């Protein structure tokens, strides 16, 4: 299927994040809300649209954000949160550290979206039995961190990039805003 005929399928419907209750469901709920917002931002676009950068000099694309956040899900929840230290990045390498963003022109958008969705599921499963207080090794050996920190960092990561996604989508077709509630 070509970049102009395939379209990003509908996003999973948004489940409202909890506003009362225990910390873990609240962190997971907010993270899931941000994940759903990212998916909504690419919903209905062709592969070519998802690969379209904003205005020069920026080369940032919605597909690049999807790829970047797939790598982040893997990096933080699986590699560090679940301590699967042998797990490697999906797109980035030592020789090409920004391949998640820069490799978009030749990327397979459908495959990258499927990878993102698989990484979200794998991330959830990887830390499901861990406590938020568990201390895990971070990328800097001298700076271990808690699983709680990883959740908070990922919420921040999505919040920042969903702002980018909002601007990118507006540039493509005028659609703005949060996930419809």
C-alpha atoms as a PDB file:
ATOM      1  CA  UNK A   1       0.000   0.000   0.000  1.00  0.00           C
ATOM      2  CA  UNK A   2       1.369   3.410  -0.854  1.00  0.00           C
ATOM      3  CA  UNK A   3       2.068   6.322   1.440  1.00  0.00           C
ATOM      4  CA  UNK A   4      -0.920   8.141  -0.055  1.00  0.00           C
ATOM      5  CA  UNK A   5      -3.554   5.393   0.266  1.00  0.00           C
ATOM      6  CA  UNK A   6      -2.910   3.831   3.696  1.00  0.00           C
ATOM      7  CA  UNK A   7      -4.344   5.838   6.583  1.00  0.00           C
ATOM      8  CA  UNK A   8      -3.663   5.592  10.284  1.00  0.00           C
ATOM      9  CA  UNK A   9      -6.529   3.607  11.794  1.00  0.00           C
ATOM     10  CA  UNK A  10      -8.745   5.109  14.499  1.00  0.00           C
ATOM     11  CA  UNK A  11      -7.157   5.538  17.890  1.00  0.00           C
ATOM     12  CA  UNK A  12      -8.384   3.484  20.830  1.00  0.00           C
ATOM     13  CA  UNK A  13     -11.129   5.468  22.496  1.00  0.00           C
ATOM     14  CA  UNK A  14     -10.031   7.606  25.395  1.00  0.00           C
ATOM     15  CA  UNK A  15     -10.647   6.367  28.908  1.00  0.00           C
ATOM     16  CA  UNK A  16     -10.827   9.254  31.343  1.00  0.00           C
ATOM     17  CA  UNK A  17      -7.981   9.274  33.835  1.00  0.00           C
ATOM     18  CA  UNK A  18      -8.885   8.808  37.502  1.00  0.00           C
ATOM     19  CA  UNK A  19      -9.117  11.947  39.613  1.00  0.00           C
ATOM     20  CA  UNK A  20      -9.360  10.197  42.994  1.00  0.00           C
ATOM     21  CA  UNK A  21      -7.664   7.114  44.323  1.00  0.00           C
ATOM     22  CA  UNK A  22      -4.298   5.515  44.667  1.00  0.00           C
ATOM     23  CA  UNK A  23      -1.167   6.917  43.084  1.00  0.00           C
ATOM     24  CA  UNK A  24      -0.427   4.052  40.666  1.00  0.00           C
ATOM     25  CA  UNK A  25      -3.785   4.149  38.841  1.00  0.00           C
ATOM     26  CA  UNK A  26      -3.513   7.927  38.630  1.00  0.00           C
ATOM     27  CA  UNK A  27      -0.021   7.812  37.085  1.00  0.00           C
ATOM     28  CA  UNK A  28      -1.042   5.044  34.694  1.00  0.00           C
ATOM     29  CA  UNK A  29      -4.233   6.918  33.835  1.00  0.00           C
ATOM     30  CA  UNK A  30      -2.435  10.148  32.990  1.00  0.00           C
ATOM     31  CA  UNK A  31       0.172   8.302  30.957  1.00  0.00           C
ATOM     32  CA  UNK A  32      -2.565   6.433  29.079  1.00  0.00           C
ATOM     33  CA  UNK A  33      -4.348   9.739  28.427  1.00  0.00           C
ATOM     34  CA  UNK A  34      -1.178  11.104  26.830  1.00  0.00           C
ATOM     35  CA  UNK A  35      -0.645   7.910  24.830  1.00  0.00           C
ATOM     36  CA  UNK A  36      -4.217   8.162  23.529  1.00  0.00           C
ATOM     37  CA  UNK A  37      -3.699  11.815  22.639  1.00  0.00           C
ATOM     38  CA  UNK A  38      -0.633  10.985  20.546  1.00  0.00           C
ATOM     39  CA  UNK A  39      -2.543   8.227  18.728  1.00  0.00           C
ATOM     40  CA  UNK A  40      -5.434  10.612  18.107  1.00  0.00           C
ATOM     41  CA  UNK A  41      -3.057  13.180  16.622  1.00  0.00           C
ATOM     42  CA  UNK A  42      -2.092  10.745  13.848  1.00  0.00           C
ATOM     43  CA  UNK A  43      -5.527   9.163  13.359  1.00  0.00           C
ATOM     44  CA  UNK A  44      -6.827   9.347   9.785  1.00  0.00           C
ATOM     45  CA  UNK A  45      -3.609  10.658   8.258  1.00  0.00           C
ATOM     46  CA  UNK A  46      -1.962   9.034   5.273  1.00  0.00           C
ATOM     47  CA  UNK A  47       1.545   7.729   5.734  1.00  0.00           C
ATOM     48  CA  UNK A  48       2.811  10.649   3.672  1.00  0.00           C
ATOM     49  CA  UNK A  49       1.029  13.155   5.899  1.00  0.00           C
ATOM     50  CA  UNK A  50       2.468  11.491   9.016  1.00  0.00           C
ATOM     51  CA  UNK A  51       5.917  11.913   7.437  1.00  0.00           C
ATOM     52  CA  UNK A  52       5.383  15.569   6.518  1.00  0.00           C
ATOM     53  CA  UNK A  53       7.563  17.962   8.504  1.00  0.00           C
ATOM     54  CA  UNK A  54       6.372  21.294   9.771  1.00  0.00           C
ATOM     55  CA  UNK A  55       8.059  24.327   8.305  1.00  0.00           C
ATOM     56  CA  UNK A  56      11.826  24.480   7.673  1.00  0.00           C
ATOM     57  CA  UNK A  57      14.226  24.428   9.289  1.00  0.00           C
ATOM     58  CA  UNK A  58      12.384  21.874  11.442  1.00  0.00           C
ATOM     59  CA  UNK A  59      12.240  18.318  10.137  1.00  0.00           C
ATOM     60  CA  UNK A  60       9.971  17.167  12.983  1.00  0.00           C
ATOM     61  CA  UNK A  61       7.117  14.889  11.902  1.00  0.00           C
ATOM     62  CA  UNK A  62       4.237  13.107  13.588  1.00  0.00           C
ATOM     63  CA  UNK A  63       5.684   9.744  12.559  1.00  0.00           C
ATOM     64  CA  UNK A  64       9.016  10.790  14.055  1.00  0.00           C
ATOM     65  CA  UNK A  65       7.243  11.472  17.352  1.00  0.00           C
ATOM     66  CA  UNK A  66       5.557   8.046  17.227  1.00  0.00           C
ATOM     67  CA  UNK A  67       8.932   6.388  16.589  1.00  0.00           C
ATOM     68  CA  UNK A  68      10.638   8.437  19.316  1.00  0.00           C
ATOM     69  CA  UNK A  69       8.002   7.576  21.897  1.00  0.00           C
ATOM     70  CA  UNK A  70       8.143   3.875  20.966  1.00  0.00           C
ATOM     71  CA  UNK A  71      11.867   3.988  21.728  1.00  0.00           C
ATOM     72  CA  UNK A  72      11.159   5.861  24.977  1.00  0.00           C
ATOM     73  CA  UNK A  73       8.563   3.293  26.090  1.00  0.00           C
ATOM     74  CA  UNK A  74      11.138   0.568  25.497  1.00  0.00           C
ATOM     75  CA  UNK A  75      14.048   2.494  27.021  1.00  0.00           C
ATOM     76  CA  UNK A  76      12.385   3.600  30.244  1.00  0.00           C
ATOM     77  CA  UNK A  77       9.879   0.874  31.110  1.00  0.00           C
ATOM     78  CA  UNK A  78      11.471  -2.235  29.674  1.00  0.00           C
ATOM     79  CA  UNK A  79      15.178  -1.542  29.694  1.00  0.00           C
ATOM     80  CA  UNK A  80      15.321   0.389  32.968  1.00  0.00           C
ATOM     81  CA  UNK A  81      12.010  -0.217  34.784  1.00  0.00           C
ATOM     82  CA  UNK A  82      12.104  -3.975  34.207  1.00  0.00           C
ATOM     83  CA  UNK A  83      15.916  -3.984  34.114  1.00  0.00           C
ATOM     84  CA  UNK A  84      16.166  -5.736  30.741  1.00  0.00           C
ATOM     85  CA  UNK A  85      19.591  -4.199  30.157  1.00  0.00           C
ATOM     86  CA  UNK A  86      20.322  -6.146  26.965  1.00  0.00           C
ATOM     87  CA  UNK A  87      17.328  -4.636  25.167  1.00  0.00           C
ATOM     88  CA  UNK A  88      18.402  -2.244  22.409  1.00  0.00           C
ATOM     89  CA  UNK A  89      16.673   0.761  20.895  1.00  0.00           C
ATOM     90  CA  UNK A  90      14.299   0.112  18.019  1.00  0.00           C
ATOM     91  CA  UNK A  91      15.454   2.885  15.694  1.00  0.00           C
ATOM     92  CA  UNK A  92      18.467   4.623  17.193  1.00  0.00           C
ATOM     93  CA  UNK A  93      22.000   3.255  17.100  1.00  0.00           C
ATOM     94  CA  UNK A  94      25.398   4.497  18.191  1.00  0.00           C
ATOM     95  CA  UNK A  95      26.084   5.410  14.560  1.00  0.00           C
ATOM     96  CA  UNK A  96      22.685   7.081  14.083  1.00  0.00           C
ATOM     97  CA  UNK A  97      21.440   8.332  17.475  1.00  0.00           C
ATOM     98  CA  UNK A  98      18.572  10.347  15.975  1.00  0.00           C
ATOM     99  CA  UNK A  99      17.264   7.706  13.576  1.00  0.00           C
ATOM    100  CA  UNK A 100      13.852   7.798  15.265  1.00  0.00           C
ATOM    101  CA  UNK A 101      13.357  11.320  13.891  1.00  0.00           C
ATOM    102  CA  UNK A 102      15.719  11.382  10.920  1.00  0.00           C
ATOM    103  CA  UNK A 103      14.820   7.999   9.397  1.00  0.00           C
ATOM    104  CA  UNK A 104      11.212   8.971   8.712  1.00  0.00           C
ATOM    105  CA  UNK A 105      11.404   9.600   4.931  1.00  0.00           C
ATOM    106  CA  UNK A 106      12.144   5.914   4.240  1.00  0.00           C
ATOM    107  CA  UNK A 107      10.059   4.542   7.115  1.00  0.00           C
ATOM    108  CA  UNK A 108       7.085   2.201   6.878  1.00  0.00           C
ATOM    109  CA  UNK A 109       4.419   4.179   8.741  1.00  0.00           C
ATOM    110  CA  UNK A 110       2.090   1.211   9.280  1.00  0.00           C
ATOM    111  CA  UNK A 111       4.901  -0.908  10.706  1.00  0.00           C
ATOM    112  CA  UNK A 112       6.122   1.943  12.906  1.00  0.00           C
ATOM    113  CA  UNK A 113       2.634   2.518  14.310  1.00  0.00           C
ATOM    114  CA  UNK A 114       2.291  -1.215  15.042  1.00  0.00           C
ATOM    115  CA  UNK A 115       5.698  -1.127  16.749  1.00  0.00           C
ATOM    116  CA  UNK A 116       4.601   1.812  18.884  1.00  0.00           C
ATOM    117  CA  UNK A 117       1.415   0.035  19.975  1.00  0.00           C
ATOM    118  CA  UNK A 118       3.349  -3.159  20.749  1.00  0.00           C
ATOM    119  CA  UNK A 119       5.885  -1.208  22.809  1.00  0.00           C
ATOM    120  CA  UNK A 120       3.128   0.429  24.867  1.00  0.00           C
ATOM    121  CA  UNK A 121       1.697  -3.018  25.692  1.00  0.00           C
ATOM    122  CA  UNK A 122       5.140  -4.447  26.429  1.00  0.00           C
ATOM    123  CA  UNK A 123       5.949  -1.464  28.665  1.00  0.00           C
ATOM    124  CA  UNK A 124       2.772  -1.987  30.703  1.00  0.00           C
ATOM    125  CA  UNK A 125       3.510  -5.686  31.111  1.00  0.00           C
ATOM    126  CA  UNK A 126       7.165  -5.131  31.968  1.00  0.00           C
ATOM    127  CA  UNK A 127       6.446  -3.102  35.099  1.00  0.00           C
ATOM    128  CA  UNK A 128       3.035  -4.443  36.102  1.00  0.00           C
ATOM    129  CA  UNK A 129       4.391  -6.329  39.109  1.00  0.00           C
ATOM    130  CA  UNK A 130       6.858  -3.672  40.221  1.00  0.00           C
ATOM    131  CA  UNK A 131       6.340  -1.169  43.012  1.00  0.00           C
ATOM    132  CA  UNK A 132       6.557   2.547  42.334  1.00  0.00           C
ATOM    133  CA  UNK A 133       9.179   2.588  45.102  1.00  0.00           C
ATOM    134  CA  UNK A 134      11.417   0.047  43.333  1.00  0.00           C
ATOM    135  CA  UNK A 135      14.811   1.572  42.635  1.00  0.00           C
ATOM    136  CA  UNK A 136      16.151   0.700  39.214  1.00  0.00           C
ATOM    137  CA  UNK A 137      19.358   1.436  37.398  1.00  0.00           C
ATOM    138  CA  UNK A 138      19.017   4.415  35.104  1.00  0.00           C
ATOM    139  CA  UNK A 139      21.192   5.237  32.125  1.00  0.00           C
ATOM    140  CA  UNK A 140      23.730   6.910  34.441  1.00  0.00           C
ATOM    141  CA  UNK A 141      25.039   4.301  36.917  1.00  0.00           C
ATOM    142  CA  UNK A 142      25.595   6.959  39.555  1.00  0.00           C
ATOM    143  CA  UNK A 143      21.945   8.040  39.384  1.00  0.00           C
ATOM    144  CA  UNK A 144      19.491   5.214  40.085  1.00  0.00           C
ATOM    145  CA  UNK A 145      15.838   6.192  40.088  1.00  0.00           C
ATOM    146  CA  UNK A 146      12.489   4.869  41.201  1.00  0.00           C
ATOM    147  CA  UNK A 147       9.801   3.446  38.967  1.00  0.00           C
ATOM    148  CA  UNK A 148       7.690   6.420  40.132  1.00  0.00           C
ATOM    149  CA  UNK A 149      10.294   8.745  38.547  1.00  0.00           C
ATOM    150  CA  UNK A 150      10.006   6.812  35.274  1.00  0.00           C
ATOM    151  CA  UNK A 151       6.222   7.263  35.213  1.00  0.00           C
ATOM    152  CA  UNK A 152       6.541  10.971  35.950  1.00  0.00           C
ATOM    153  CA  UNK A 153       9.254  11.386  33.337  1.00  0.00           C
ATOM    154  CA  UNK A 154       7.186   9.601  30.686  1.00  0.00           C
ATOM    155  CA  UNK A 155       4.153  11.789  31.455  1.00  0.00           C
ATOM    156  CA  UNK A 156       6.411  14.817  30.966  1.00  0.00           C
ATOM    157  CA  UNK A 157       7.885  13.350  27.770  1.00  0.00           C
ATOM    158  CA  UNK A 158       4.438  12.772  26.267  1.00  0.00           C
ATOM    159  CA  UNK A 159       3.117  16.151  27.419  1.00  0.00           C
ATOM    160  CA  UNK A 160       5.985  17.961  25.680  1.00  0.00           C
ATOM    161  CA  UNK A 161       5.734  15.931  22.495  1.00  0.00           C
ATOM    162  CA  UNK A 162       1.935  16.098  22.379  1.00  0.00           C
ATOM    163  CA  UNK A 163       2.359  19.868  22.220  1.00  0.00           C
ATOM    164  CA  UNK A 164       4.584  19.346  19.193  1.00  0.00           C
ATOM    165  CA  UNK A 165       2.042  16.900  17.753  1.00  0.00           C
ATOM    166  CA  UNK A 166      -0.737  19.451  18.137  1.00  0.00           C
ATOM    167  CA  UNK A 167       1.228  22.022  16.118  1.00  0.00           C
ATOM    168  CA  UNK A 168       2.213  19.462  13.479  1.00  0.00           C
ATOM    169  CA  UNK A 169      -1.377  18.302  13.033  1.00  0.00           C
ATOM    170  CA  UNK A 170      -2.631  21.870  12.849  1.00  0.00           C
ATOM    171  CA  UNK A 171      -0.061  22.538  10.118  1.00  0.00           C
ATOM    172  CA  UNK A 172      -1.367  19.529   8.130  1.00  0.00           C
ATOM    173  CA  UNK A 173      -5.132  20.018   8.305  1.00  0.00           C
ATOM    174  CA  UNK A 174      -6.091  22.502  11.004  1.00  0.00           C
ATOM    175  CA  UNK A 175      -7.043  19.918  13.660  1.00  0.00           C
ATOM    176  CA  UNK A 176      -6.082  21.041  17.174  1.00  0.00           C
ATOM    177  CA  UNK A 177      -6.877  20.250  20.770  1.00  0.00           C
ATOM    178  CA  UNK A 178      -6.784  17.371  23.224  1.00  0.00           C
ATOM    179  CA  UNK A 179      -8.348  13.997  22.732  1.00  0.00           C
ATOM    180  CA  UNK A 180     -12.099  14.525  22.440  1.00  0.00           C
ATOM    181  CA  UNK A 181     -13.814  13.736  25.721  1.00  0.00           C
END
